[in-house]
């Protein structure tokens, strides 16, 4: 077992599973995966972000705030492909495109939460 290392910033890779609607089968999803590079958000920063969120008045403001949290925590990715199979680099533009899809956001939130709680990915 390794010794705990107290660092100013923690960046680490973590697997993300995204459940995308299956275009060939109604009501079914396709499980797709990629590797995220997360940066842990400190307790103080998370509490401040939560207080800011609670003060927001509209759904649009809350949605934008949630996107800001993902932008804060997700610093990169690997294993994301475009329709032709080519690797899609992590940029502000490609990240903004991915954020438009609920299944992407849900998968990233789930993976980040699992990484903080120490849950290892299970299954195949």
N, C-alpha and C. Protein backbone atom coordinates (compact mmCIF):
# COMPACT_ATOMS: atom_id res chain seq x y z
N UNK A 1 0.84 -1.17 0.00
CA UNK A 1 0.00 0.00 0.00
C UNK A 1 0.89 1.24 0.00
N UNK A 2 0.53 2.20 -0.83
CA UNK A 2 1.32 3.43 -0.95
C UNK A 2 0.99 4.41 0.17
N UNK A 3 1.96 5.23 0.50
CA UNK A 3 1.77 6.29 1.48
C UNK A 3 0.88 7.39 0.88
N UNK A 4 0.08 8.03 1.72
CA UNK A 4 -0.73 9.16 1.27
C UNK A 4 0.18 10.34 0.96
N UNK A 5 -0.03 10.96 -0.18
CA UNK A 5 0.75 12.12 -0.59
C UNK A 5 -0.17 13.34 -0.54
N UNK A 6 0.14 14.28 0.31
CA UNK A 6 -0.65 15.51 0.42
C UNK A 6 -0.16 16.48 -0.65
N UNK A 7 -1.03 16.76 -1.59
CA UNK A 7 -0.66 17.62 -2.71
C UNK A 7 -1.58 18.84 -2.75
N UNK A 8 -1.11 19.88 -3.39
CA UNK A 8 -1.91 21.09 -3.56
C UNK A 8 -3.06 20.82 -4.53
N UNK A 9 -2.76 20.06 -5.58
CA UNK A 9 -3.75 19.75 -6.61
C UNK A 9 -3.66 18.26 -6.93
N UNK A 10 -4.81 17.65 -7.10
CA UNK A 10 -4.86 16.23 -7.48
C UNK A 10 -5.46 16.12 -8.88
N UNK A 11 -4.66 15.65 -9.82
CA UNK A 11 -5.13 15.35 -11.18
C UNK A 11 -4.94 13.87 -11.40
N UNK A 12 -5.97 13.23 -11.99
CA UNK A 12 -5.91 11.78 -12.14
C UNK A 12 -6.84 11.32 -13.25
N UNK A 13 -6.47 10.24 -13.93
CA UNK A 13 -7.35 9.67 -14.95
C UNK A 13 -8.42 8.81 -14.28
N UNK A 14 -9.60 8.76 -14.90
CA UNK A 14 -10.69 7.94 -14.36
C UNK A 14 -11.59 7.51 -15.51
N UNK A 15 -12.02 6.24 -15.52
CA UNK A 15 -12.90 5.78 -16.59
C UNK A 15 -14.30 6.39 -16.48
N UNK A 16 -14.86 6.72 -17.63
CA UNK A 16 -16.21 7.27 -17.71
C UNK A 16 -17.03 6.36 -18.61
N UNK A 17 -18.22 6.00 -18.16
CA UNK A 17 -19.15 5.23 -18.98
C UNK A 17 -20.33 6.12 -19.32
N UNK A 18 -20.64 6.18 -20.60
CA UNK A 18 -21.75 6.99 -21.10
C UNK A 18 -22.75 6.05 -21.75
N UNK A 19 -24.02 6.20 -21.41
CA UNK A 19 -25.08 5.38 -21.99
C UNK A 19 -25.80 6.21 -23.04
N UNK A 20 -25.49 5.92 -24.32
CA UNK A 20 -26.00 6.67 -25.45
C UNK A 20 -27.19 5.92 -26.04
N UNK A 21 -28.28 6.62 -26.40
CA UNK A 21 -29.41 5.94 -27.02
C UNK A 21 -28.97 5.16 -28.27
N UNK A 22 -29.47 3.94 -28.39
CA UNK A 22 -29.15 3.07 -29.53
C UNK A 22 -30.03 3.47 -30.71
N UNK A 23 -29.43 3.96 -31.81
CA UNK A 23 -30.23 4.39 -32.95
C UNK A 23 -30.93 3.24 -33.67
N UNK A 24 -30.51 2.00 -33.39
CA UNK A 24 -31.09 0.84 -34.08
C UNK A 24 -32.13 0.10 -33.25
N UNK A 25 -32.26 0.45 -31.96
CA UNK A 25 -33.17 -0.31 -31.10
C UNK A 25 -33.87 0.64 -30.13
N UNK A 26 -35.17 0.79 -30.33
CA UNK A 26 -35.96 1.70 -29.49
C UNK A 26 -35.88 1.29 -28.02
N UNK A 27 -35.64 2.28 -27.17
CA UNK A 27 -35.62 2.05 -25.73
C UNK A 27 -34.34 1.44 -25.20
N UNK A 28 -33.34 1.25 -26.06
CA UNK A 28 -32.08 0.64 -25.63
C UNK A 28 -30.96 1.68 -25.68
N UNK A 29 -29.91 1.40 -24.94
CA UNK A 29 -28.74 2.28 -24.96
C UNK A 29 -27.50 1.47 -25.31
N UNK A 30 -26.50 2.18 -25.77
CA UNK A 30 -25.18 1.61 -26.05
C UNK A 30 -24.23 2.17 -25.00
N UNK A 31 -23.48 1.29 -24.36
CA UNK A 31 -22.51 1.72 -23.36
C UNK A 31 -21.21 2.07 -24.07
N UNK A 32 -20.78 3.32 -23.92
CA UNK A 32 -19.53 3.79 -24.50
C UNK A 32 -18.64 4.30 -23.37
N UNK A 33 -17.34 4.17 -23.56
CA UNK A 33 -16.42 4.57 -22.50
C UNK A 33 -15.31 5.48 -23.04
N UNK A 34 -14.77 6.27 -22.15
CA UNK A 34 -13.56 7.04 -22.43
C UNK A 34 -12.87 7.28 -21.10
N UNK A 35 -11.67 7.83 -21.15
CA UNK A 35 -10.93 8.12 -19.92
C UNK A 35 -10.89 9.63 -19.72
N UNK A 36 -11.34 10.06 -18.55
CA UNK A 36 -11.33 11.48 -18.20
C UNK A 36 -10.07 11.80 -17.40
N UNK A 37 -9.61 13.02 -17.52
CA UNK A 37 -8.57 13.54 -16.64
C UNK A 37 -9.27 14.53 -15.72
N UNK A 38 -9.45 14.13 -14.47
CA UNK A 38 -10.13 14.97 -13.49
C UNK A 38 -9.12 15.73 -12.64
N UNK A 39 -9.57 16.89 -12.17
CA UNK A 39 -8.85 17.61 -11.13
C UNK A 39 -9.83 17.77 -9.97
N UNK A 40 -9.45 17.25 -8.82
CA UNK A 40 -10.34 17.31 -7.66
C UNK A 40 -10.59 18.75 -7.26
N UNK A 41 -11.85 19.05 -6.99
CA UNK A 41 -12.25 20.37 -6.52
C UNK A 41 -12.17 20.35 -4.99
N UNK A 42 -11.50 21.34 -4.41
CA UNK A 42 -11.33 21.38 -2.95
C UNK A 42 -12.68 21.56 -2.26
N UNK A 43 -12.73 21.19 -1.00
CA UNK A 43 -13.95 21.34 -0.21
C UNK A 43 -14.41 22.79 -0.17
N UNK A 44 -13.48 23.71 0.07
CA UNK A 44 -13.84 25.13 0.13
C UNK A 44 -14.44 25.61 -1.18
N UNK A 45 -13.81 25.22 -2.28
CA UNK A 45 -14.31 25.63 -3.59
C UNK A 45 -15.66 25.00 -3.89
N UNK A 46 -15.82 23.72 -3.55
CA UNK A 46 -17.10 23.04 -3.78
C UNK A 46 -18.22 23.69 -2.97
N UNK A 47 -17.93 24.03 -1.71
CA UNK A 47 -18.95 24.68 -0.88
C UNK A 47 -19.31 26.06 -1.42
N UNK A 48 -18.33 26.80 -1.90
CA UNK A 48 -18.59 28.12 -2.48
C UNK A 48 -19.43 27.98 -3.75
N UNK A 49 -19.10 27.00 -4.57
CA UNK A 49 -19.86 26.77 -5.80
C UNK A 49 -21.30 26.36 -5.46
N UNK A 50 -21.46 25.54 -4.44
CA UNK A 50 -22.80 25.12 -4.03
C UNK A 50 -23.62 26.30 -3.52
N UNK A 51 -23.01 27.17 -2.73
CA UNK A 51 -23.70 28.36 -2.23
C UNK A 51 -24.11 29.26 -3.40
N UNK A 52 -23.22 29.42 -4.37
CA UNK A 52 -23.55 30.21 -5.56
C UNK A 52 -24.73 29.58 -6.30
N UNK A 53 -24.71 28.25 -6.43
CA UNK A 53 -25.78 27.53 -7.13
C UNK A 53 -27.12 27.77 -6.44
N UNK A 54 -27.14 27.68 -5.12
CA UNK A 54 -28.38 27.83 -4.37
C UNK A 54 -28.95 29.24 -4.49
N UNK A 55 -28.11 30.22 -4.77
CA UNK A 55 -28.55 31.60 -4.91
C UNK A 55 -29.11 31.91 -6.30
N UNK A 56 -28.93 31.01 -7.25
CA UNK A 56 -29.39 31.26 -8.61
C UNK A 56 -30.91 31.17 -8.68
N UNK A 57 -31.50 31.97 -9.57
CA UNK A 57 -32.96 32.08 -9.64
C UNK A 57 -33.60 31.29 -10.77
N UNK A 58 -32.88 31.12 -11.89
CA UNK A 58 -33.52 30.50 -13.06
C UNK A 58 -32.88 29.16 -13.40
N UNK A 59 -33.64 28.34 -14.13
CA UNK A 59 -33.10 27.05 -14.59
C UNK A 59 -31.90 27.26 -15.50
N UNK A 60 -31.95 28.30 -16.33
CA UNK A 60 -30.84 28.57 -17.25
C UNK A 60 -29.57 28.91 -16.47
N UNK A 61 -29.70 29.69 -15.41
CA UNK A 61 -28.54 30.03 -14.59
C UNK A 61 -27.98 28.78 -13.90
N UNK A 62 -28.87 27.93 -13.40
CA UNK A 62 -28.43 26.71 -12.72
C UNK A 62 -27.74 25.76 -13.70
N UNK A 63 -28.29 25.65 -14.90
CA UNK A 63 -27.69 24.78 -15.92
C UNK A 63 -26.29 25.27 -16.28
N UNK A 64 -26.15 26.57 -16.49
CA UNK A 64 -24.83 27.14 -16.81
C UNK A 64 -23.84 26.91 -15.67
N UNK A 65 -24.31 27.03 -14.44
CA UNK A 65 -23.46 26.82 -13.28
C UNK A 65 -22.98 25.37 -13.22
N UNK A 66 -23.87 24.42 -13.52
CA UNK A 66 -23.48 23.01 -13.53
C UNK A 66 -22.43 22.76 -14.60
N UNK A 67 -22.58 23.40 -15.76
CA UNK A 67 -21.58 23.27 -16.81
C UNK A 67 -20.24 23.83 -16.35
N UNK A 68 -20.28 24.93 -15.61
CA UNK A 68 -19.04 25.52 -15.08
C UNK A 68 -18.35 24.55 -14.13
N UNK A 69 -19.14 23.82 -13.33
CA UNK A 69 -18.53 22.84 -12.42
C UNK A 69 -17.83 21.75 -13.22
N UNK A 70 -18.48 21.25 -14.27
CA UNK A 70 -17.83 20.22 -15.10
C UNK A 70 -16.56 20.76 -15.74
N UNK A 71 -16.61 22.02 -16.19
CA UNK A 71 -15.42 22.63 -16.77
C UNK A 71 -14.29 22.73 -15.75
N UNK A 72 -14.65 22.94 -14.50
CA UNK A 72 -13.65 23.04 -13.44
C UNK A 72 -13.02 21.69 -13.13
N UNK A 73 -13.82 20.63 -13.15
CA UNK A 73 -13.34 19.31 -12.73
C UNK A 73 -12.71 18.50 -13.87
N UNK A 74 -13.22 18.63 -15.09
CA UNK A 74 -12.73 17.83 -16.21
C UNK A 74 -11.67 18.62 -16.97
N UNK A 75 -10.45 18.10 -16.96
CA UNK A 75 -9.32 18.82 -17.55
C UNK A 75 -8.84 18.22 -18.86
N UNK A 76 -9.36 17.07 -19.22
CA UNK A 76 -8.95 16.43 -20.47
C UNK A 76 -9.64 15.10 -20.63
N UNK A 77 -9.41 14.46 -21.77
CA UNK A 77 -9.94 13.12 -22.01
C UNK A 77 -9.09 12.40 -23.03
N UNK A 78 -9.23 11.10 -23.07
CA UNK A 78 -8.65 10.28 -24.13
C UNK A 78 -9.66 9.20 -24.44
N UNK A 79 -9.60 8.70 -25.65
CA UNK A 79 -10.52 7.64 -26.05
C UNK A 79 -11.85 8.14 -26.55
N UNK A 80 -11.97 9.44 -26.83
CA UNK A 80 -13.20 9.99 -27.42
C UNK A 80 -12.99 10.03 -28.92
N UNK A 81 -13.94 9.46 -29.65
CA UNK A 81 -13.83 9.37 -31.10
C UNK A 81 -14.93 10.14 -31.79
N UNK A 82 -14.63 10.58 -33.00
CA UNK A 82 -15.63 11.20 -33.85
C UNK A 82 -16.36 10.12 -34.65
N UNK A 83 -17.35 10.51 -35.44
CA UNK A 83 -18.13 9.54 -36.22
C UNK A 83 -17.28 8.65 -37.13
N UNK A 84 -16.17 9.16 -37.64
CA UNK A 84 -15.31 8.39 -38.51
C UNK A 84 -14.29 7.53 -37.79
N UNK A 85 -14.27 7.60 -36.46
CA UNK A 85 -13.34 6.80 -35.67
C UNK A 85 -12.06 7.51 -35.28
N UNK A 86 -11.86 8.74 -35.76
CA UNK A 86 -10.65 9.49 -35.41
C UNK A 86 -10.77 10.02 -33.98
N UNK A 87 -9.64 10.08 -33.30
CA UNK A 87 -9.58 10.61 -31.93
C UNK A 87 -10.00 12.08 -31.94
N UNK A 88 -10.88 12.45 -31.00
CA UNK A 88 -11.32 13.84 -30.85
C UNK A 88 -10.51 14.46 -29.71
N UNK A 89 -9.73 15.50 -29.99
CA UNK A 89 -8.94 16.11 -28.92
C UNK A 89 -9.84 16.88 -27.96
N UNK A 90 -9.37 17.04 -26.74
CA UNK A 90 -10.08 17.83 -25.74
C UNK A 90 -9.75 19.30 -25.95
N UNK A 91 -10.73 20.07 -26.36
CA UNK A 91 -10.58 21.52 -26.52
C UNK A 91 -11.83 22.17 -25.92
N UNK A 92 -11.80 23.47 -25.77
CA UNK A 92 -13.00 24.17 -25.28
C UNK A 92 -14.19 23.90 -26.20
N UNK A 93 -13.93 23.87 -27.50
CA UNK A 93 -15.00 23.67 -28.48
C UNK A 93 -15.57 22.24 -28.41
N UNK A 94 -14.71 21.23 -28.38
CA UNK A 94 -15.22 19.85 -28.34
C UNK A 94 -15.89 19.56 -27.00
N UNK A 95 -15.38 20.16 -25.93
CA UNK A 95 -16.01 19.99 -24.63
C UNK A 95 -17.40 20.63 -24.63
N UNK A 96 -17.53 21.83 -25.20
CA UNK A 96 -18.83 22.49 -25.28
C UNK A 96 -19.82 21.66 -26.09
N UNK A 97 -19.34 21.02 -27.16
CA UNK A 97 -20.21 20.15 -27.95
C UNK A 97 -20.67 18.96 -27.13
N UNK A 98 -19.76 18.34 -26.40
CA UNK A 98 -20.11 17.18 -25.56
C UNK A 98 -21.11 17.57 -24.48
N UNK A 99 -20.97 18.77 -23.91
CA UNK A 99 -21.88 19.22 -22.86
C UNK A 99 -23.32 19.35 -23.32
N UNK A 100 -23.53 19.42 -24.63
CA UNK A 100 -24.88 19.53 -25.16
C UNK A 100 -25.68 18.24 -25.00
N UNK A 101 -25.00 17.15 -24.68
CA UNK A 101 -25.66 15.84 -24.59
C UNK A 101 -25.80 15.43 -23.13
N UNK A 102 -27.05 15.19 -22.72
CA UNK A 102 -27.33 14.84 -21.32
C UNK A 102 -26.58 13.59 -20.90
N UNK A 103 -26.46 12.61 -21.78
CA UNK A 103 -25.79 11.35 -21.40
C UNK A 103 -24.32 11.58 -21.12
N UNK A 104 -23.69 12.52 -21.83
CA UNK A 104 -22.29 12.87 -21.54
C UNK A 104 -22.19 13.48 -20.14
N UNK A 105 -23.03 14.47 -19.87
CA UNK A 105 -22.99 15.13 -18.56
C UNK A 105 -23.24 14.14 -17.44
N UNK A 106 -24.24 13.29 -17.60
CA UNK A 106 -24.56 12.29 -16.57
C UNK A 106 -23.40 11.34 -16.34
N UNK A 107 -22.77 10.88 -17.41
CA UNK A 107 -21.64 9.96 -17.29
C UNK A 107 -20.46 10.59 -16.58
N UNK A 108 -20.17 11.85 -16.90
CA UNK A 108 -19.03 12.54 -16.28
C UNK A 108 -19.32 12.81 -14.80
N UNK A 109 -20.53 13.27 -14.49
CA UNK A 109 -20.88 13.49 -13.08
C UNK A 109 -20.77 12.20 -12.28
N UNK A 110 -21.29 11.11 -12.84
CA UNK A 110 -21.26 9.82 -12.15
C UNK A 110 -19.81 9.38 -11.90
N UNK A 111 -18.97 9.50 -12.93
CA UNK A 111 -17.57 9.08 -12.80
C UNK A 111 -16.82 9.95 -11.79
N UNK A 112 -17.06 11.26 -11.83
CA UNK A 112 -16.38 12.15 -10.88
C UNK A 112 -16.79 11.81 -9.45
N UNK A 113 -18.07 11.58 -9.25
CA UNK A 113 -18.57 11.21 -7.92
C UNK A 113 -17.94 9.90 -7.46
N UNK A 114 -17.86 8.92 -8.36
CA UNK A 114 -17.23 7.64 -8.02
C UNK A 114 -15.76 7.83 -7.67
N UNK A 115 -15.09 8.72 -8.39
CA UNK A 115 -13.66 8.93 -8.12
C UNK A 115 -13.45 9.54 -6.75
N UNK A 116 -14.35 10.41 -6.33
CA UNK A 116 -14.21 11.05 -5.02
C UNK A 116 -14.52 10.09 -3.88
N UNK A 117 -15.43 9.16 -4.13
CA UNK A 117 -15.80 8.22 -3.07
C UNK A 117 -14.91 6.99 -3.06
N UNK A 118 -14.01 6.90 -4.05
CA UNK A 118 -13.10 5.77 -4.10
C UNK A 118 -13.71 4.52 -4.69
N UNK A 119 -14.89 4.65 -5.32
CA UNK A 119 -15.52 3.50 -5.94
C UNK A 119 -14.74 3.11 -7.18
N UNK A 120 -14.33 1.88 -7.23
CA UNK A 120 -13.67 1.38 -8.43
C UNK A 120 -14.73 1.01 -9.44
N UNK A 121 -14.39 1.16 -10.70
CA UNK A 121 -15.31 0.76 -11.76
C UNK A 121 -15.49 -0.74 -11.70
N UNK A 122 -16.74 -1.18 -11.78
CA UNK A 122 -17.02 -2.61 -11.75
C UNK A 122 -17.54 -3.05 -13.10
N UNK A 123 -17.53 -4.35 -13.32
CA UNK A 123 -18.03 -4.90 -14.58
C UNK A 123 -16.89 -5.18 -15.53
N UNK A 124 -17.26 -5.41 -16.79
CA UNK A 124 -16.28 -5.78 -17.81
C UNK A 124 -15.48 -4.60 -18.26
